[in-house]
């Protein structure tokens, strides 16, 4: 039996004090050690290029953070930890998994003894909260702190109802109804309530002792996208110039878990998924260890028919956060040219059985000229890597006050190296 530890949490203006065992959910025949944990995460995005709005990744006043289920992407997480197993069958609690985990995708492998296997799995996600605790303590004794005028009072008794305020029957049989209170004290944490999403396994092994376990699963609430910031400078020719090209990757993590000091990979491409999620062999292959990378930024390589970007250093992705990481070193003085395009028929094309003889037809349909800037995704200019789809913004330096002024933006699809990137500015 572990010694209870006291914790205090403020919820909805009231302070909640409870006594909870250090191991939630009772004793187990086995456990895990967070020390020496190794986490890797590969993130897939199903977002349309440029479709992520600021409201998706920052709280809205009065509304909070949007529903994580609406985040257009998912991740494959690999977690390696040391676990201690008893001989034969035992129970293992695996905590700190994502709240949006797809439990059908969980794979457990003992790297120490591959013959070790999981016989049964439970995913417990009934997380503790003030209201759930109150419901669990109906007809049980609790202690309430409240104010009466300027005095602080304590009421001990049996909780009869928590539907509209609290209804308490005191030791003398008197019934009290409280609408406002400061603190609720519970003697223990009832069974069935946990503080974190937990996988509980019934494991069989013939090799008791310490095992290095690898757990792989998919989770929602995670996505990534690319943003490009370009600075245009005029050249000697009015129709040419140069661009400084910078690229950033933004990552949303609303999965319900934090990934500390993790290896990070990003998949660029449209990976097809069936309606019912299943374990992805390709994703598992993506998590194999690679040799030490020379660069600390992202390194790109072809992976099946997609592109895999691997960050050359570890990073931390806190839950409910957005992180930006530089995709590649800024490319400077990339040759660019300005292109003016006039398209007379600025409407959906129609088939005409005979020639249009109206000389003014095009001018009446569209009198505007489109402005484009284009450059080549070439290695000799500091680029030469496949560019993920994303929003591309262009600014130009105003020589009068040396300030950058926004001149237009566009969306690019996944662009191979050595291809021309064409940006419509207006």
Protein backbone atom coordinates (compact mmCIF):
# COMPACT_ATOMS: atom_id res chain seq x y z
CA UNK A 1 0.00 0.00 0.00
CA UNK A 2 1.41 3.38 -0.98
CA UNK A 3 1.28 6.36 1.35
CA UNK A 4 -1.52 8.80 0.42
CA UNK A 5 -0.36 12.22 -0.71
CA UNK A 6 -2.43 15.38 -0.44
CA UNK A 7 -2.96 17.62 -3.44
CA UNK A 8 -4.89 20.85 -3.89
CA UNK A 9 -6.53 22.08 -7.08
CA UNK A 10 -8.66 25.14 -7.74
CA UNK A 11 -11.68 24.36 -9.94
CA UNK A 12 -14.38 26.85 -10.97
CA UNK A 13 -13.44 29.26 -8.19
CA UNK A 14 -13.49 26.58 -5.50
CA UNK A 15 -10.47 24.78 -4.14
CA UNK A 16 -10.59 20.99 -4.27
CA UNK A 17 -8.54 19.03 -1.75
CA UNK A 18 -8.28 15.28 -2.02
CA UNK A 19 -6.17 12.45 -0.75
CA UNK A 20 -4.97 10.29 -3.63
CA UNK A 21 -2.74 7.24 -3.64
CA UNK A 22 0.51 7.69 -5.52
CA UNK A 23 -0.54 4.81 -7.75
CA UNK A 24 -4.06 5.52 -9.01
CA UNK A 25 -6.36 2.54 -9.50
CA UNK A 26 -4.88 0.23 -6.85
CA UNK A 27 -1.75 -1.84 -6.73
CA UNK A 28 -0.38 -3.62 -9.77
CA UNK A 29 1.84 -6.61 -10.23
CA UNK A 30 4.02 -4.49 -12.46
CA UNK A 31 4.75 -0.88 -13.33
CA UNK A 32 6.78 1.33 -15.61
CA UNK A 33 9.63 3.77 -15.14
CA UNK A 34 9.47 7.15 -16.85
CA UNK A 35 13.25 7.39 -16.55
CA UNK A 36 15.16 6.51 -19.70
CA UNK A 37 11.97 7.00 -21.73
CA UNK A 38 12.43 7.61 -25.43
CA UNK A 39 9.58 9.27 -27.35
CA UNK A 40 9.25 9.73 -31.11
CA UNK A 41 6.34 11.29 -32.96
CA UNK A 42 5.54 11.38 -36.68
CA UNK A 43 2.88 13.93 -37.63
CA UNK A 44 0.55 13.72 -40.62
CA UNK A 45 -1.57 16.60 -41.86
CA UNK A 46 -4.88 16.44 -43.70
CA UNK A 47 -5.29 20.22 -43.77
CA UNK A 48 -5.74 22.02 -47.06
CA UNK A 49 -2.79 24.36 -47.76
CA UNK A 50 -3.36 27.69 -46.08
CA UNK A 51 -6.60 26.50 -44.46
CA UNK A 52 -5.45 26.80 -40.83
CA UNK A 53 -6.95 29.95 -39.32
CA UNK A 54 -5.50 31.69 -36.23
CA UNK A 55 -8.62 30.67 -34.29
CA UNK A 56 -7.54 27.05 -34.64
CA UNK A 57 -4.38 27.45 -32.60
CA UNK A 58 -5.08 30.15 -30.07
CA UNK A 59 -7.89 30.66 -27.54
CA UNK A 60 -10.87 32.79 -28.53
CA UNK A 61 -11.96 35.24 -25.78
CA UNK A 62 -14.96 33.77 -24.03
CA UNK A 63 -14.82 30.53 -26.05
CA UNK A 64 -11.45 28.96 -25.28
CA UNK A 65 -9.50 26.60 -27.53
CA UNK A 66 -11.50 24.97 -30.37
CA UNK A 67 -12.44 21.31 -30.10
CA UNK A 68 -9.30 19.22 -30.58
CA UNK A 69 -11.32 16.70 -32.59
CA UNK A 70 -11.54 19.30 -35.37
CA UNK A 71 -7.76 19.53 -35.78
CA UNK A 72 -7.09 18.27 -39.36
CA UNK A 73 -4.32 15.79 -38.73
CA UNK A 74 -3.03 12.96 -36.59
CA UNK A 75 0.22 11.52 -35.30
CA UNK A 76 1.93 8.19 -34.80
CA UNK A 77 3.59 8.09 -31.39
CA UNK A 78 6.27 5.65 -30.33
CA UNK A 79 7.12 5.49 -26.65
CA UNK A 80 9.89 3.32 -25.19
CA UNK A 81 10.07 2.81 -21.42
CA UNK A 82 11.46 0.37 -18.88
CA UNK A 83 8.77 -1.79 -17.28
CA UNK A 84 8.94 -4.43 -14.56
CA UNK A 85 6.94 -7.60 -15.16
CA UNK A 86 6.17 -10.54 -12.90
CA UNK A 87 6.43 -14.13 -14.05
CA UNK A 88 3.35 -15.46 -15.83
CA UNK A 89 0.38 -13.09 -16.05
CA UNK A 90 0.44 -9.63 -14.50
CA UNK A 91 -1.19 -6.22 -14.89
CA UNK A 92 0.62 -3.19 -16.28
CA UNK A 93 -0.68 0.39 -16.14
CA UNK A 94 0.73 2.58 -18.92
CA UNK A 95 -0.03 6.26 -18.23
CA UNK A 96 0.73 9.57 -19.97
CA UNK A 97 -0.83 8.46 -23.25
CA UNK A 98 -2.72 10.94 -25.42
CA UNK A 99 -6.31 11.64 -24.47
CA UNK A 100 -7.31 11.32 -28.16
CA UNK A 101 -5.52 8.00 -28.64
CA UNK A 102 -7.11 5.47 -30.97
CA UNK A 103 -6.88 2.35 -28.76
CA UNK A 104 -7.36 0.05 -31.77
CA UNK A 105 -3.94 1.11 -33.08
CA UNK A 106 -1.95 0.28 -29.92
CA UNK A 107 0.99 -2.08 -30.43
CA UNK A 108 3.07 -3.39 -27.51
CA UNK A 109 6.45 -5.04 -28.05
CA UNK A 110 8.98 -6.10 -25.44
CA UNK A 111 12.41 -5.44 -26.92
CA UNK A 112 13.88 -7.54 -24.11
CA UNK A 113 11.69 -10.59 -24.75
CA UNK A 114 9.64 -10.48 -28.00
CA UNK A 115 7.66 -13.53 -26.80
CA UNK A 116 5.99 -11.37 -24.15
CA UNK A 117 2.46 -10.52 -25.26
CA UNK A 118 -0.63 -8.59 -24.25
CA UNK A 119 -3.65 -10.81 -23.61
CA UNK A 120 -6.16 -8.06 -22.83
CA UNK A 121 -6.21 -4.27 -22.99
CA UNK A 122 -8.39 -1.66 -21.30
CA UNK A 123 -8.30 2.04 -22.11
CA UNK A 124 -9.40 4.00 -19.03
CA UNK A 125 -10.34 7.61 -19.70
CA UNK A 126 -12.87 8.45 -16.94
CA UNK A 127 -10.76 11.34 -15.66
CA UNK A 128 -11.32 12.84 -12.24
CA UNK A 129 -13.19 16.15 -12.00
CA UNK A 130 -15.08 18.09 -9.33
CA UNK A 131 -18.51 17.01 -10.56
CA UNK A 132 -17.51 13.35 -10.95
CA UNK A 133 -16.09 13.30 -7.44
CA UNK A 134 -19.25 14.84 -6.04
CA UNK A 135 -21.39 12.26 -7.85
CA UNK A 136 -19.21 9.44 -6.51
CA UNK A 137 -19.67 10.73 -2.95
CA UNK A 138 -23.46 10.80 -2.92
CA UNK A 139 -24.55 9.25 0.43
CA UNK A 140 -20.96 9.43 1.68
CA UNK A 141 -19.30 11.77 4.22
CA UNK A 142 -17.49 14.90 3.01
CA UNK A 143 -16.32 18.19 4.50
CA UNK A 144 -17.30 21.61 3.12
CA UNK A 145 -15.72 25.01 3.88
CA UNK A 146 -17.98 28.02 3.27
CA UNK A 147 -18.43 31.64 4.36
CA UNK A 148 -21.17 32.98 6.61
CA UNK A 149 -20.83 36.76 6.64
CA UNK A 150 -17.20 37.45 7.49
CA UNK A 151 -16.74 34.11 9.21
CA UNK A 152 -15.32 30.93 7.72
CA UNK A 153 -17.37 27.85 8.54
CA UNK A 154 -16.87 24.10 8.09
CA UNK A 155 -19.73 21.68 7.56
CA UNK A 156 -19.18 17.95 7.99
CA UNK A 157 -21.89 15.56 6.90
CA UNK A 158 -23.29 13.22 4.28
CA UNK A 159 -23.67 14.49 0.71
CA UNK A 160 -27.27 13.96 -0.44
CA UNK A 161 -27.24 15.82 -3.74
CA UNK A 162 -24.86 17.78 -6.01
CA UNK A 163 -27.32 18.61 -8.80
CA UNK A 164 -28.06 22.25 -7.86
CA UNK A 165 -25.51 23.30 -5.28
CA UNK A 166 -24.79 20.88 -2.44
CA UNK A 167 -27.30 19.30 -0.07
CA UNK A 168 -25.69 18.05 3.16
CA UNK A 169 -27.14 16.14 6.10
CA UNK A 170 -25.20 16.99 9.24
CA UNK A 171 -24.35 14.67 12.12
CA UNK A 172 -27.40 15.97 14.02
CA UNK A 173 -29.72 15.19 11.11
CA UNK A 174 -30.10 18.80 10.00
CA UNK A 175 -30.29 19.34 6.23
CA UNK A 176 -28.25 22.21 4.74
CA UNK A 177 -28.29 23.48 1.14
CA UNK A 178 -25.15 25.33 -0.02
CA UNK A 179 -25.00 27.33 -3.24
CA UNK A 180 -21.55 28.78 -2.61
CA UNK A 181 -18.55 27.16 -0.99
CA UNK A 182 -14.78 27.58 -0.93
CA UNK A 183 -13.40 24.11 -0.46
CA UNK A 184 -14.52 20.48 -0.64
CA UNK A 185 -12.49 17.81 1.14
CA UNK A 186 -12.80 14.16 0.16
CA UNK A 187 -11.27 11.37 2.26
CA UNK A 188 -10.04 9.42 -0.76
CA UNK A 189 -10.23 9.00 -4.52
CA UNK A 190 -12.97 6.51 -5.45
CA UNK A 191 -12.17 3.57 -7.65
CA UNK A 192 -12.80 3.98 -11.36
CA UNK A 193 -11.58 7.59 -11.50
CA UNK A 194 -8.08 8.32 -12.78
CA UNK A 195 -6.04 11.48 -13.17
CA UNK A 196 -4.63 10.69 -16.62
CA UNK A 197 -5.68 8.54 -19.59
CA UNK A 198 -4.27 5.09 -18.93
CA UNK A 199 -3.77 1.86 -20.86
CA UNK A 200 -4.15 -1.21 -18.63
CA UNK A 201 -2.75 -4.47 -19.99
CA UNK A 202 -3.02 -8.10 -18.94
CA UNK A 203 0.46 -9.27 -19.92
CA UNK A 204 1.96 -12.76 -20.06
CA UNK A 205 5.71 -13.36 -19.94
CA UNK A 206 8.06 -16.17 -19.02
CA UNK A 207 10.90 -13.75 -18.32
CA UNK A 208 10.24 -11.77 -15.12
CA UNK A 209 12.10 -8.59 -14.32
CA UNK A 210 12.95 -5.42 -16.24
CA UNK A 211 11.82 -5.14 -19.86
CA UNK A 212 12.44 -2.44 -22.45
CA UNK A 213 8.96 -1.95 -23.92
CA UNK A 214 8.01 -0.14 -27.12
CA UNK A 215 4.44 1.12 -27.42
CA UNK A 216 3.13 2.56 -30.70
CA UNK A 217 -0.25 4.20 -31.24
CA UNK A 218 -2.10 6.80 -33.29
CA UNK A 219 -3.71 9.89 -31.83
CA UNK A 220 -5.82 12.73 -33.15
CA UNK A 221 -5.58 16.39 -32.19
CA UNK A 222 -2.17 16.91 -33.85
CA UNK A 223 -1.33 18.50 -37.20
CA UNK A 224 1.31 20.55 -38.98
CA UNK A 225 1.53 22.93 -41.91
CA UNK A 226 4.10 25.08 -43.69
CA UNK A 227 4.28 28.86 -44.02
CA UNK A 228 6.68 30.69 -46.33
CA UNK A 229 7.79 34.26 -45.84
CA UNK A 230 9.42 35.89 -48.86
CA UNK A 231 11.02 39.30 -49.21
CA UNK A 232 11.15 40.69 -52.75
CA UNK A 233 13.71 43.22 -53.96
CA UNK A 234 13.66 44.88 -57.39
CA UNK A 235 16.53 44.20 -59.75
CA UNK A 236 18.02 46.29 -62.51
CA UNK A 237 15.39 45.01 -64.88
CA UNK A 238 11.84 46.12 -63.91
CA UNK A 239 10.64 42.58 -64.55
CA UNK A 240 13.25 40.83 -62.43
CA UNK A 241 14.48 40.86 -58.86
CA UNK A 242 15.57 38.66 -55.98
CA UNK A 243 13.81 36.88 -53.14
CA UNK A 244 14.85 35.97 -49.63
CA UNK A 245 12.95 32.75 -48.88
CA UNK A 246 12.23 31.58 -45.34
CA UNK A 247 10.04 28.61 -44.37
CA UNK A 248 8.51 27.67 -41.05
CA UNK A 249 6.63 24.61 -39.85
CA UNK A 250 3.82 25.16 -37.37
CA UNK A 251 2.63 22.28 -35.18
CA UNK A 252 -0.59 22.14 -33.16
CA UNK A 253 -0.72 19.68 -30.28
CA UNK A 254 -4.16 19.28 -28.70
CA UNK A 255 -3.91 15.51 -28.29
CA UNK A 256 -4.16 15.55 -24.50
CA UNK A 257 -0.51 14.62 -23.93
CA UNK A 258 2.84 16.38 -23.97
CA UNK A 259 5.84 14.97 -25.82
CA UNK A 260 9.02 15.93 -24.02
CA UNK A 261 12.45 15.77 -25.63
CA UNK A 262 10.97 13.83 -28.53
CA UNK A 263 12.26 12.85 -31.94
CA UNK A 264 10.11 14.63 -34.53
CA UNK A 265 9.22 13.65 -38.10
CA UNK A 266 6.74 15.15 -40.53
CA UNK A 267 5.11 13.42 -43.50
CA UNK A 268 4.30 15.60 -46.54
CA UNK A 269 1.81 14.09 -48.93
CA UNK A 270 -1.78 12.86 -48.99
CA UNK A 271 -1.67 9.60 -47.03
CA UNK A 272 -4.93 7.75 -47.59
CA UNK A 273 -6.82 6.55 -44.52
CA UNK A 274 -9.80 4.23 -44.34
CA UNK A 275 -12.85 5.40 -42.42
CA UNK A 276 -11.93 3.07 -39.56
CA UNK A 277 -8.43 3.76 -38.28
CA UNK A 278 -6.01 0.82 -38.42
CA UNK A 279 -2.33 0.48 -37.50
CA UNK A 280 -0.13 1.86 -40.26
CA UNK A 281 2.86 -0.25 -41.24
CA UNK A 282 4.36 2.66 -43.15
CA UNK A 283 4.12 4.87 -40.09
CA UNK A 284 5.84 2.27 -37.95
CA UNK A 285 8.66 2.06 -40.49
CA UNK A 286 8.98 5.83 -40.36
CA UNK A 287 9.97 5.61 -36.71
CA UNK A 288 13.06 3.50 -37.21
CA UNK A 289 16.19 5.07 -35.82
CA UNK A 290 18.47 6.85 -38.23
CA UNK A 291 22.12 7.70 -38.03
CA UNK A 292 23.07 10.95 -36.35
CA UNK A 293 22.10 13.86 -38.56
CA UNK A 294 24.67 16.44 -39.47
CA UNK A 295 22.13 19.25 -39.51
CA UNK A 296 20.10 20.38 -36.54
CA UNK A 297 17.22 21.52 -38.76
CA UNK A 298 14.93 19.36 -40.86
CA UNK A 299 16.46 16.83 -43.25
CA UNK A 300 14.27 15.70 -46.15
CA UNK A 301 14.19 12.35 -47.93
CA UNK A 302 11.81 10.41 -50.14
CA UNK A 303 9.71 7.89 -48.22
CA UNK A 304 7.54 5.55 -50.29
CA UNK A 305 5.66 8.05 -52.51
CA UNK A 306 5.78 10.80 -49.87
CA UNK A 307 8.38 13.09 -48.36
CA UNK A 308 9.70 12.65 -44.84
CA UNK A 309 11.15 15.60 -42.92
CA UNK A 310 13.23 14.64 -39.87
CA UNK A 311 14.26 17.22 -37.28
CA UNK A 312 17.95 16.79 -36.48
CA UNK A 313 17.47 17.57 -32.80
CA UNK A 314 14.97 16.67 -30.14
CA UNK A 315 12.12 19.01 -29.30
CA UNK A 316 9.25 19.29 -26.82
CA UNK A 317 5.59 19.61 -27.88
CA UNK A 318 3.51 20.64 -24.85
CA UNK A 319 -0.18 19.84 -24.84
CA UNK A 320 -2.49 22.67 -25.96
CA UNK A 321 0.32 24.52 -27.70
CA UNK A 322 1.46 25.70 -31.11
CA UNK A 323 5.16 25.52 -31.98
CA UNK A 324 7.03 26.98 -34.95
CA UNK A 325 10.26 25.40 -36.21
CA UNK A 326 12.37 26.60 -39.13
CA UNK A 327 11.99 24.19 -42.04
CA UNK A 328 15.31 25.14 -43.68
CA UNK A 329 17.91 27.89 -43.51
CA UNK A 330 16.76 31.08 -45.16
CA UNK A 331 17.75 31.21 -48.83
CA UNK A 332 18.96 34.67 -49.87
CA UNK A 333 19.18 36.45 -53.19
CA UNK A 334 17.19 33.84 -55.08
CA UNK A 335 16.70 35.08 -58.67
CA UNK A 336 13.07 35.89 -59.41
CA UNK A 337 11.12 37.47 -62.18
CA UNK A 338 7.88 39.40 -62.35
CA UNK A 339 5.26 38.10 -64.79
CA UNK A 340 2.18 40.00 -65.95
CA UNK A 341 -0.67 37.86 -67.24
CA UNK A 342 -3.81 39.06 -68.98
CA UNK A 343 -6.63 36.57 -69.38
CA UNK A 344 -9.57 38.06 -71.20
CA UNK A 345 -12.15 35.47 -70.17
CA UNK A 346 -12.08 35.50 -66.40
CA UNK A 347 -15.03 33.14 -66.09
CA UNK A 348 -15.69 29.44 -66.39
CA UNK A 349 -14.88 28.44 -69.99
CA UNK A 350 -17.79 27.63 -72.25
CA UNK A 351 -17.89 25.84 -75.56
CA UNK A 352 -19.07 27.92 -78.49
CA UNK A 353 -19.90 26.12 -81.75
CA UNK A 354 -18.80 29.13 -83.80
CA UNK A 355 -16.09 31.80 -83.44
CA UNK A 356 -16.82 34.85 -81.26
CA UNK A 357 -16.65 37.84 -83.58
CA UNK A 358 -17.11 40.55 -80.94
CA UNK A 359 -13.75 42.38 -80.89
CA UNK A 360 -14.44 43.82 -77.42
CA UNK A 361 -15.56 40.55 -75.80
CA UNK A 362 -12.41 39.96 -73.76
CA UNK A 363 -12.07 43.54 -72.57
CA UNK A 364 -15.66 43.57 -71.38
CA UNK A 365 -15.15 40.35 -69.42
CA UNK A 366 -11.92 41.16 -67.60
CA UNK A 367 -9.95 44.39 -67.67
CA UNK A 368 -7.42 43.41 -64.97
CA UNK A 369 -3.88 42.15 -65.32
CA UNK A 370 -2.62 39.51 -62.88
CA UNK A 371 0.80 39.96 -61.29
CA UNK A 372 2.97 36.91 -60.56
CA UNK A 373 6.43 36.41 -59.09
CA UNK A 374 8.20 33.17 -59.90
CA UNK A 375 11.47 31.52 -58.90
CA UNK A 376 13.11 28.14 -59.34
CA UNK A 377 13.41 25.70 -56.46
CA UNK A 378 17.06 25.06 -57.21
CA UNK A 379 19.81 23.83 -54.90
CA UNK A 380 22.35 26.34 -56.21
CA UNK A 381 20.17 29.12 -54.81
CA UNK A 382 19.99 27.56 -51.33
CA UNK A 383 16.78 25.62 -51.96
CA UNK A 384 16.53 22.36 -53.92
CA UNK A 385 14.33 20.42 -51.46
CA UNK A 386 10.68 19.39 -51.95
CA UNK A 387 8.51 22.18 -50.57
CA UNK A 388 5.46 21.09 -48.54
CA UNK A 389 2.14 22.63 -49.46
CA UNK A 390 1.39 25.83 -47.59
CA UNK A 391 0.69 29.52 -47.58
CA UNK A 392 3.34 31.77 -49.10
CA UNK A 393 3.47 35.48 -48.19
CA UNK A 394 5.50 38.11 -50.01
CA UNK A 395 6.70 41.48 -48.69
CA UNK A 396 8.86 44.19 -50.21
CA UNK A 397 11.18 46.69 -48.59
CA UNK A 398 10.08 50.31 -48.81
CA UNK A 399 13.30 52.25 -49.45
CA UNK A 400 11.75 55.43 -48.02
CA UNK A 401 11.69 54.19 -44.43
CA UNK A 402 13.27 50.70 -44.70
CA UNK A 403 10.04 48.99 -43.63
CA UNK A 404 8.63 45.76 -45.03
CA UNK A 405 5.25 46.10 -46.70
CA UNK A 406 2.98 43.18 -47.54
CA UNK A 407 2.36 42.87 -51.30
CA UNK A 408 0.42 39.61 -51.62
CA UNK A 409 0.09 35.95 -50.79
CA UNK A 410 -0.79 32.68 -52.47
CA UNK A 411 -1.01 28.96 -51.77
CA UNK A 412 1.35 26.39 -53.23
CA UNK A 413 0.85 22.65 -53.48
CA UNK A 414 3.62 20.12 -52.71
CA UNK A 415 6.38 21.29 -55.05
CA UNK A 416 9.29 19.02 -56.12
CA UNK A 417 12.84 20.30 -56.28
CA UNK A 418 14.02 21.90 -59.52
CA UNK A 419 10.46 23.06 -60.26
CA UNK A 420 9.31 26.63 -60.77
CA UNK A 421 7.24 28.21 -57.99
CA UNK A 422 4.76 30.76 -59.29
CA UNK A 423 3.02 33.09 -56.82
CA UNK A 424 0.01 35.22 -57.69
CA UNK A 425 0.22 38.55 -55.86
CA UNK A 426 -2.80 40.44 -57.18
